[in-house]
Amino acid sequence: RAWDRIQKSHPDHLACGEAVTRAVYPAAENPYA
């Protein structure tokens, strides 16, 4: 979340970032995920 301008941090924006981060590491590179 960006507290300097919270409009950048719509809950969907944060969820997008979290989902992508979890996917990039470790799931995408883990052959057992």
PDB file of all heavy atoms in Angstrom:
ATOM      1  N   ARG A   1       0.832  -1.201   0.000  1.00  0.00           N
ATOM      2  CA  ARG A   1       0.000   0.000   0.000  1.00  0.00           C
ATOM      3  C   ARG A   1       0.871   1.256   0.000  1.00  0.00           C
ATOM      4  O   ARG A   1       1.876   1.338   0.700  1.00  0.00           O
ATOM      5  CB  ARG A   1      -0.930  -0.010   1.216  1.00  0.00           C
ATOM      6  CG  ARG A   1      -1.887   1.154   1.286  1.00  0.00           C
ATOM      7  CD  ARG A   1      -2.984   0.923   2.321  1.00  0.00           C
ATOM      8  NE  ARG A   1      -4.081   0.137   1.758  1.00  0.00           N
ATOM      9  CZ  ARG A   1      -4.358  -1.122   2.086  1.00  0.00           C
ATOM     10  NH1 ARG A   1      -3.596  -1.743   2.982  1.00  0.00           N
ATOM     11  NH2 ARG A   1      -5.359  -1.759   1.545  1.00  0.00           N
ATOM     12  N   ALA A   2       0.460   2.239  -0.822  1.00  0.00           N
ATOM     13  CA  ALA A   2       1.149   3.523  -0.903  1.00  0.00           C
ATOM     14  C   ALA A   2       0.373   4.546  -0.085  1.00  0.00           C
ATOM     15  O   ALA A   2      -0.690   5.011  -0.501  1.00  0.00           O
ATOM     16  CB  ALA A   2       1.255   3.972  -2.356  1.00  0.00           C
ATOM     17  N   TRP A   3       0.904   4.913   1.064  1.00  0.00           N
ATOM     18  CA  TRP A   3       0.189   5.838   1.942  1.00  0.00           C
ATOM     19  C   TRP A   3       0.283   7.276   1.456  1.00  0.00           C
ATOM     20  O   TRP A   3      -0.530   8.114   1.861  1.00  0.00           O
ATOM     21  CB  TRP A   3       0.732   5.724   3.364  1.00  0.00           C
ATOM     22  CG  TRP A   3       0.410   4.406   3.991  1.00  0.00           C
ATOM     23  CD1 TRP A   3       1.273   3.391   4.264  1.00  0.00           C
ATOM     24  CD2 TRP A   3      -0.876   3.942   4.417  1.00  0.00           C
ATOM     25  NE1 TRP A   3       0.617   2.326   4.828  1.00  0.00           N
ATOM     26  CE2 TRP A   3      -0.708   2.637   4.936  1.00  0.00           C
ATOM     27  CE3 TRP A   3      -2.166   4.495   4.402  1.00  0.00           C
ATOM     28  CZ2 TRP A   3      -1.764   1.887   5.444  1.00  0.00           C
ATOM     29  CZ3 TRP A   3      -3.217   3.738   4.916  1.00  0.00           C
ATOM     30  CH2 TRP A   3      -3.005   2.466   5.428  1.00  0.00           C
ATOM     31  N   ASP A   4       1.247   7.592   0.590  1.00  0.00           N
ATOM     32  CA  ASP A   4       1.352   8.956   0.087  1.00  0.00           C
ATOM     33  C   ASP A   4       0.191   9.308  -0.830  1.00  0.00           C
ATOM     34  O   ASP A   4      -0.198  10.469  -0.931  1.00  0.00           O
ATOM     35  CB  ASP A   4       2.679   9.153  -0.659  1.00  0.00           C
ATOM     36  CG  ASP A   4       2.843   8.221  -1.843  1.00  0.00           C
ATOM     37  OD1 ASP A   4       2.786   6.994  -1.631  1.00  0.00           O
ATOM     38  OD2 ASP A   4       3.022   8.710  -2.974  1.00  0.00           O
ATOM     39  N   ARG A   5      -0.351   8.297  -1.533  1.00  0.00           N
ATOM     40  CA  ARG A   5      -1.543   8.518  -2.355  1.00  0.00           C
ATOM     41  C   ARG A   5      -2.300   7.205  -2.405  1.00  0.00           C
ATOM     42  O   ARG A   5      -2.062   6.370  -3.265  1.00  0.00           O
ATOM     43  CB  ARG A   5      -1.176   8.999  -3.771  1.00  0.00           C
ATOM     44  CG  ARG A   5      -2.400   9.458  -4.567  1.00  0.00           C
ATOM     45  CD  ARG A   5      -2.009  10.310  -5.769  1.00  0.00           C
ATOM     46  NE  ARG A   5      -1.383   9.551  -6.816  1.00  0.00           N
ATOM     47  CZ  ARG A   5      -2.068   8.867  -7.753  1.00  0.00           C
ATOM     48  NH1 ARG A   5      -3.394   8.844  -7.743  1.00  0.00           N
ATOM     49  NH2 ARG A   5      -1.426   8.209  -8.686  1.00  0.00           N
ATOM     50  N   ILE A   6      -3.205   7.031  -1.465  1.00  0.00           N
ATOM     51  CA  ILE A   6      -3.829   5.724  -1.261  1.00  0.00           C
ATOM     52  C   ILE A   6      -4.657   5.284  -2.460  1.00  0.00           C
ATOM     53  O   ILE A   6      -4.941   4.098  -2.629  1.00  0.00           O
ATOM     54  CB  ILE A   6      -4.677   5.728   0.033  1.00  0.00           C
ATOM     55  CG1 ILE A   6      -4.924   4.294   0.510  1.00  0.00           C
ATOM     56  CG2 ILE A   6      -5.982   6.509  -0.175  1.00  0.00           C
ATOM     57  CD1 ILE A   6      -5.497   4.205   1.900  1.00  0.00           C
ATOM     58  N   GLN A   7      -5.030   6.232  -3.337  1.00  0.00           N
ATOM     59  CA  GLN A   7      -5.799   5.856  -4.526  1.00  0.00           C
ATOM     60  C   GLN A   7      -5.020   4.898  -5.427  1.00  0.00           C
ATOM     61  O   GLN A   7      -5.615   4.175  -6.228  1.00  0.00           O
ATOM     62  CB  GLN A   7      -6.200   7.112  -5.312  1.00  0.00           C
ATOM     63  CG  GLN A   7      -7.259   7.967  -4.632  1.00  0.00           C
ATOM     64  CD  GLN A   7      -6.692   8.877  -3.562  1.00  0.00           C
ATOM     65  OE1 GLN A   7      -5.482   8.908  -3.315  1.00  0.00           O
ATOM     66  NE2 GLN A   7      -7.559   9.640  -2.912  1.00  0.00           N
ATOM     67  N   LYS A   8      -3.689   4.888  -5.306  1.00  0.00           N
ATOM     68  CA  LYS A   8      -2.898   3.923  -6.070  1.00  0.00           C
ATOM     69  C   LYS A   8      -3.117   2.504  -5.556  1.00  0.00           C
ATOM     70  O   LYS A   8      -2.820   1.536  -6.264  1.00  0.00           O
ATOM     71  CB  LYS A   8      -1.402   4.258  -5.974  1.00  0.00           C
ATOM     72  CG  LYS A   8      -0.987   5.535  -6.653  1.00  0.00           C
ATOM     73  CD  LYS A   8       0.542   5.614  -6.796  1.00  0.00           C
ATOM     74  CE  LYS A   8       1.238   5.772  -5.475  1.00  0.00           C
ATOM     75  NZ  LYS A   8       2.700   5.987  -5.644  1.00  0.00           N
ATOM     76  N   SER A   9      -3.620   2.401  -4.320  1.00  0.00           N
ATOM     77  CA  SER A   9      -3.641   1.116  -3.627  1.00  0.00           C
ATOM     78  C   SER A   9      -5.048   0.575  -3.430  1.00  0.00           C
ATOM     79  O   SER A   9      -5.418   0.119  -2.344  1.00  0.00           O
ATOM     80  CB  SER A   9      -2.929   1.248  -2.285  1.00  0.00           C
ATOM     81  OG  SER A   9      -1.618   1.697  -2.465  1.00  0.00           O
ATOM     82  N   HIS A  10      -5.850   0.627  -4.482  1.00  0.00           N
ATOM     83  CA  HIS A  10      -7.149  -0.050  -4.467  1.00  0.00           C
ATOM     84  C   HIS A  10      -6.920  -1.499  -4.027  1.00  0.00           C
ATOM     85  O   HIS A  10      -5.914  -2.116  -4.410  1.00  0.00           O
ATOM     86  CB  HIS A  10      -7.734   0.008  -5.880  1.00  0.00           C
ATOM     87  CG  HIS A  10      -9.118  -0.529  -6.023  1.00  0.00           C
ATOM     88  ND1 HIS A  10      -9.420  -1.864  -5.851  1.00  0.00           N
ATOM     89  CD2 HIS A  10     -10.288   0.081  -6.355  1.00  0.00           C
ATOM     90  CE1 HIS A  10     -10.716  -2.057  -6.069  1.00  0.00           C
ATOM     91  NE2 HIS A  10     -11.255  -0.893  -6.366  1.00  0.00           N
ATOM     92  N   PRO A  11      -7.797  -2.074  -3.221  1.00  0.00           N
ATOM     93  CA  PRO A  11      -7.590  -3.452  -2.785  1.00  0.00           C
ATOM     94  C   PRO A  11      -7.355  -4.440  -3.925  1.00  0.00           C
ATOM     95  O   PRO A  11      -6.577  -5.391  -3.778  1.00  0.00           O
ATOM     96  CB  PRO A  11      -8.877  -3.775  -2.016  1.00  0.00           C
ATOM     97  CG  PRO A  11      -9.331  -2.451  -1.488  1.00  0.00           C
ATOM     98  CD  PRO A  11      -8.979  -1.452  -2.563  1.00  0.00           C
ATOM     99  N   ASP A  12      -7.999  -4.220  -5.063  1.00  0.00           N
ATOM    100  CA  ASP A  12      -7.756  -5.095  -6.214  1.00  0.00           C
ATOM    101  C   ASP A  12      -6.330  -4.948  -6.728  1.00  0.00           C
ATOM    102  O   ASP A  12      -5.740  -5.915  -7.224  1.00  0.00           O
ATOM    103  CB  ASP A  12      -8.729  -4.778  -7.351  1.00  0.00           C
ATOM    104  CG  ASP A  12     -10.145  -5.280  -7.098  1.00  0.00           C
ATOM    105  OD1 ASP A  12     -10.346  -6.038  -6.135  1.00  0.00           O
ATOM    106  OD2 ASP A  12     -11.037  -4.909  -7.880  1.00  0.00           O
ATOM    107  N   HIS A  13      -5.769  -3.735  -6.652  1.00  0.00           N
ATOM    108  CA  HIS A  13      -4.387  -3.523  -7.086  1.00  0.00           C
ATOM    109  C   HIS A  13      -3.437  -4.336  -6.205  1.00  0.00           C
ATOM    110  O   HIS A  13      -2.519  -5.001  -6.704  1.00  0.00           O
ATOM    111  CB  HIS A  13      -3.998  -2.053  -6.990  1.00  0.00           C
ATOM    112  CG  HIS A  13      -4.789  -1.137  -7.869  1.00  0.00           C
ATOM    113  ND1 HIS A  13      -4.540   0.225  -7.920  1.00  0.00           N
ATOM    114  CD2 HIS A  13      -5.810  -1.361  -8.734  1.00  0.00           C
ATOM    115  CE1 HIS A  13      -5.383   0.797  -8.767  1.00  0.00           C
ATOM    116  NE2 HIS A  13      -6.166  -0.154  -9.269  1.00  0.00           N
ATOM    117  N   LEU A  14      -3.662  -4.264  -4.898  1.00  0.00           N
ATOM    118  CA  LEU A  14      -2.815  -5.000  -3.972  1.00  0.00           C
ATOM    119  C   LEU A  14      -2.948  -6.507  -4.185  1.00  0.00           C
ATOM    120  O   LEU A  14      -1.947  -7.241  -4.141  1.00  0.00           O
ATOM    121  CB  LEU A  14      -3.181  -4.641  -2.531  1.00  0.00           C
ATOM    122  CG  LEU A  14      -3.125  -3.152  -2.158  1.00  0.00           C
ATOM    123  CD1 LEU A  14      -3.540  -2.964  -0.702  1.00  0.00           C
ATOM    124  CD2 LEU A  14      -1.747  -2.571  -2.399  1.00  0.00           C
ATOM    125  N   ALA A  15      -4.172  -6.957  -4.431  1.00  0.00           N
ATOM    126  CA  ALA A  15      -4.402  -8.383  -4.658  1.00  0.00           C
ATOM    127  C   ALA A  15      -3.735  -8.845  -5.945  1.00  0.00           C
ATOM    128  O   ALA A  15      -3.182  -9.951  -6.013  1.00  0.00           O
ATOM    129  CB  ALA A  15      -5.904  -8.668  -4.706  1.00  0.00           C
ATOM    130  N   CYS A  16      -3.786  -8.013  -6.972  1.00  0.00           N
ATOM    131  CA  CYS A  16      -3.096  -8.310  -8.224  1.00  0.00           C
ATOM    132  C   CYS A  16      -1.611  -8.501  -7.963  1.00  0.00           C
ATOM    133  O   CYS A  16      -1.005  -9.507  -8.375  1.00  0.00           O
ATOM    134  CB  CYS A  16      -3.335  -7.186  -9.229  1.00  0.00           C
ATOM    135  SG  CYS A  16      -2.310  -7.255 -10.734  1.00  0.00           S
ATOM    136  N   GLY A  17      -1.003  -7.543  -7.252  1.00  0.00           N
ATOM    137  CA  GLY A  17       0.421  -7.640  -6.968  1.00  0.00           C
ATOM    138  C   GLY A  17       0.784  -8.852  -6.147  1.00  0.00           C
ATOM    139  O   GLY A  17       1.802  -9.510  -6.403  1.00  0.00           O
ATOM    140  N   GLU A  18      -0.039  -9.169  -5.168  1.00  0.00           N
ATOM    141  CA  GLU A  18       0.249 -10.325  -4.317  1.00  0.00           C
ATOM    142  C   GLU A  18       0.111 -11.628  -5.091  1.00  0.00           C
ATOM    143  O   GLU A  18       0.956 -12.536  -4.965  1.00  0.00           O
ATOM    144  CB  GLU A  18      -0.670 -10.324  -3.100  1.00  0.00           C
ATOM    145  CG  GLU A  18      -0.405 -11.452  -2.114  1.00  0.00           C
ATOM    146  CD  GLU A  18       0.978 -11.396  -1.491  1.00  0.00           C
ATOM    147  OE1 GLU A  18       1.544 -10.289  -1.352  1.00  0.00           O
ATOM    148  OE2 GLU A  18       1.498 -12.473  -1.125  1.00  0.00           O
ATOM    149  N   ALA A  19      -0.941 -11.756  -5.893  1.00  0.00           N
ATOM    150  CA  ALA A  19      -1.134 -12.977  -6.679  1.00  0.00           C
ATOM    151  C   ALA A  19       0.017 -13.189  -7.655  1.00  0.00           C
ATOM    152  O   ALA A  19       0.527 -14.307  -7.809  1.00  0.00           O
ATOM    153  CB  ALA A  19      -2.462 -12.912  -7.427  1.00  0.00           C
ATOM    154  N   VAL A  20       0.444 -12.121  -8.322  1.00  0.00           N
ATOM    155  CA  VAL A  20       1.538 -12.238  -9.284  1.00  0.00           C
ATOM    156  C   VAL A  20       2.843 -12.580  -8.570  1.00  0.00           C
ATOM    157  O   VAL A  20       3.615 -13.426  -9.042  1.00  0.00           O
ATOM    158  CB  VAL A  20       1.680 -10.938 -10.107  1.00  0.00           C
ATOM    159  CG1 VAL A  20       2.936 -10.985 -10.976  1.00  0.00           C
ATOM    160  CG2 VAL A  20       0.447 -10.740 -10.979  1.00  0.00           C
ATOM    161  N   THR A  21       3.093 -11.949  -7.432  1.00  0.00           N
ATOM    162  CA  THR A  21       4.314 -12.242  -6.689  1.00  0.00           C
ATOM    163  C   THR A  21       4.354 -13.698  -6.259  1.00  0.00           C
ATOM    164  O   THR A  21       5.391 -14.380  -6.398  1.00  0.00           O
ATOM    165  CB  THR A  21       4.431 -11.324  -5.464  1.00  0.00           C
ATOM    166  OG1 THR A  21       4.416  -9.957  -5.898  1.00  0.00           O
ATOM    167  CG2 THR A  21       5.710 -11.588  -4.690  1.00  0.00           C
ATOM    168  N   ARG A  22       3.248 -14.206  -5.740  1.00  0.00           N
ATOM    169  CA  ARG A  22       3.193 -15.618  -5.335  1.00  0.00           C
ATOM    170  C   ARG A  22       3.387 -16.542  -6.532  1.00  0.00           C
ATOM    171  O   ARG A  22       3.997 -17.619  -6.405  1.00  0.00           O
ATOM    172  CB  ARG A  22       1.850 -15.919  -4.672  1.00  0.00           C
ATOM    173  CG  ARG A  22       1.622 -15.219  -3.357  1.00  0.00           C
ATOM    174  CD  ARG A  22       0.314 -15.688  -2.724  1.00  0.00           C
ATOM    175  NE  ARG A  22      -0.081 -14.849  -1.596  1.00  0.00           N
ATOM    176  CZ  ARG A  22      -1.122 -15.088  -0.820  1.00  0.00           C
ATOM    177  NH1 ARG A  22      -1.875 -16.171  -1.054  1.00  0.00           N
ATOM    178  NH2 ARG A  22      -1.418 -14.279   0.178  1.00  0.00           N
ATOM    179  N   ALA A  23       2.863 -16.136  -7.676  1.00  0.00           N
ATOM    180  CA  ALA A  23       2.990 -16.970  -8.875  1.00  0.00           C
ATOM    181  C   ALA A  23       4.423 -16.984  -9.394  1.00  0.00           C
ATOM    182  O   ALA A  23       4.952 -18.036  -9.774  1.00  0.00           O
ATOM    183  CB  ALA A  23       2.041 -16.470  -9.957  1.00  0.00           C
ATOM    184  N   VAL A  24       5.057 -15.787  -9.408  1.00  0.00           N
ATOM    185  CA  VAL A  24       6.427 -15.695  -9.912  1.00  0.00           C
ATOM    186  C   VAL A  24       7.384 -16.504  -9.041  1.00  0.00           C
ATOM    187  O   VAL A  24       8.239 -17.238  -9.555  1.00  0.00           O
ATOM    188  CB  VAL A  24       6.866 -14.217  -9.987  1.00  0.00           C
ATOM    189  CG1 VAL A  24       8.372 -14.087 -10.164  1.00  0.00           C
ATOM    190  CG2 VAL A  24       6.140 -13.506 -11.131  1.00  0.00           C
ATOM    191  N   TYR A  25       7.250 -16.356  -7.739  1.00  0.00           N
ATOM    192  CA  TYR A  25       8.080 -17.148  -6.834  1.00  0.00           C
ATOM    193  C   TYR A  25       7.283 -17.569  -5.610  1.00  0.00           C
ATOM    194  O   TYR A  25       6.715 -16.707  -4.933  1.00  0.00           O
ATOM    195  CB  TYR A  25       9.327 -16.366  -6.377  1.00  0.00           C
ATOM    196  CG  TYR A  25      10.205 -17.235  -5.511  1.00  0.00           C
ATOM    197  CD1 TYR A  25      11.071 -18.162  -6.098  1.00  0.00           C
ATOM    198  CD2 TYR A  25      10.097 -17.203  -4.128  1.00  0.00           C
ATOM    199  CE1 TYR A  25      11.827 -19.014  -5.310  1.00  0.00           C
ATOM    200  CE2 TYR A  25      10.852 -18.052  -3.332  1.00  0.00           C
ATOM    201  CZ  TYR A  25      11.712 -18.949  -3.929  1.00  0.00           C
ATOM    202  OH  TYR A  25      12.453 -19.811  -3.156  1.00  0.00           O
ATOM    203  N   PRO A  26       7.208 -18.873  -5.378  1.00  0.00           N
ATOM    204  CA  PRO A  26       7.953 -19.921  -6.073  1.00  0.00           C
ATOM    205  C   PRO A  26       7.159 -20.714  -7.108  1.00  0.00           C
ATOM    206  O   PRO A  26       7.711 -21.589  -7.770  1.00  0.00           O
ATOM    207  CB  PRO A  26       8.358 -20.842  -4.932  1.00  0.00           C
ATOM    208  CG  PRO A  26       7.154 -20.783  -4.002  1.00  0.00           C
ATOM    209  CD  PRO A  26       6.642 -19.361  -4.095  1.00  0.00           C
ATOM    210  N   ALA A  27       5.858 -20.459  -7.245  1.00  0.00           N
ATOM    211  CA  ALA A  27       4.996 -21.425  -7.929  1.00  0.00           C
ATOM    212  C   ALA A  27       5.377 -21.671  -9.390  1.00  0.00           C
ATOM    213  O   ALA A  27       5.412 -22.820  -9.843  1.00  0.00           O
ATOM    214  CB  ALA A  27       3.536 -20.977  -7.835  1.00  0.00           C
ATOM    215  N   ALA A  28       5.641 -20.613 -10.163  1.00  0.00           N
ATOM    216  CA  ALA A  28       5.904 -20.802 -11.594  1.00  0.00           C
ATOM    217  C   ALA A  28       7.136 -21.650 -11.838  1.00  0.00           C
ATOM    218  O   ALA A  28       7.197 -22.417 -12.809  1.00  0.00           O
ATOM    219  CB  ALA A  28       6.052 -19.453 -12.297  1.00  0.00           C
ATOM    220  N   GLU A  29       8.127 -21.533 -10.959  1.00  0.00           N
ATOM    221  CA  GLU A  29       9.380 -22.258 -11.173  1.00  0.00           C
ATOM    222  C   GLU A  29       9.459 -23.570 -10.410  1.00  0.00           C
ATOM    223  O   GLU A  29      10.457 -24.289 -10.510  1.00  0.00           O
ATOM    224  CB  GLU A  29      10.568 -21.374 -10.810  1.00  0.00           C
ATOM    225  CG  GLU A  29      10.665 -20.955  -9.357  1.00  0.00           C
ATOM    226  CD  GLU A  29      11.855 -20.028  -9.125  1.00  0.00           C
ATOM    227  OE1 GLU A  29      11.851 -18.908  -9.690  1.00  0.00           O
ATOM    228  OE2 GLU A  29      12.789 -20.439  -8.410  1.00  0.00           O
ATOM    229  N   ASN A  30       8.434 -23.898  -9.657  1.00  0.00           N
ATOM    230  CA  ASN A  30       8.421 -25.140  -8.887  1.00  0.00           C
ATOM    231  C   ASN A  30       7.679 -26.219  -9.685  1.00  0.00           C
ATOM    232  O   ASN A  30       6.457 -26.130  -9.856  1.00  0.00           O
ATOM    233  CB  ASN A  30       7.732 -24.915  -7.543  1.00  0.00           C
ATOM    234  CG  ASN A  30       7.728 -26.155  -6.669  1.00  0.00           C
ATOM    235  OD1 ASN A  30       8.122 -27.246  -7.102  1.00  0.00           O
ATOM    236  ND2 ASN A  30       7.268 -26.010  -5.445  1.00  0.00           N
ATOM    237  N   PRO A  31       8.378 -27.251 -10.170  1.00  0.00           N
ATOM    238  CA  PRO A  31       7.702 -28.259 -10.994  1.00  0.00           C
ATOM    239  C   PRO A  31       6.669 -29.071 -10.230  1.00  0.00           C
ATOM    240  O   PRO A  31       5.853 -29.767 -10.851  1.00  0.00           O
ATOM    241  CB  PRO A  31       8.855 -29.148 -11.470  1.00  0.00           C
ATOM    242  CG  PRO A  31       9.931 -28.958 -10.451  1.00  0.00           C
ATOM    243  CD  PRO A  31       9.807 -27.536  -9.985  1.00  0.00           C
ATOM    244  N   TYR A  32       6.676 -28.960  -8.905  1.00  0.00           N
ATOM    245  CA  TYR A  32       5.723 -29.721  -8.105  1.00  0.00           C
ATOM    246  C   TYR A  32       4.531 -28.872  -7.664  1.00  0.00           C
ATOM    247  O   TYR A  32       3.629 -29.383  -6.984  1.00  0.00           O
ATOM    248  CB  TYR A  32       6.435 -30.319  -6.884  1.00  0.00           C
ATOM    249  CG  TYR A  32       7.648 -31.111  -7.297  1.00  0.00           C
ATOM    250  CD1 TYR A  32       8.931 -30.673  -6.965  1.00  0.00           C
ATOM    251  CD2 TYR A  32       7.535 -32.270  -8.059  1.00  0.00           C
ATOM    252  CE1 TYR A  32      10.053 -31.378  -7.369  1.00  0.00           C
ATOM    253  CE2 TYR A  32       8.641 -32.983  -8.473  1.00  0.00           C
ATOM    254  CZ  TYR A  32       9.901 -32.533  -8.126  1.00  0.00           C
ATOM    255  OH  TYR A  32      11.007 -33.229  -8.543  1.00  0.00           O
ATOM    256  N   ALA A  33       4.533 -27.600  -8.046  1.00  0.00           N
ATOM    257  CA  ALA A  33       3.377 -26.738  -7.793  1.00  0.00           C
ATOM    258  C   ALA A  33       2.437 -26.848  -8.987  1.00  0.00           C
ATOM    259  O   ALA A  33       2.877 -26.727 -10.132  1.00  0.00           O
ATOM    260  CB  ALA A  33       3.822 -25.292  -7.603  1.00  0.00           C
TER     261      ALA A  33
END
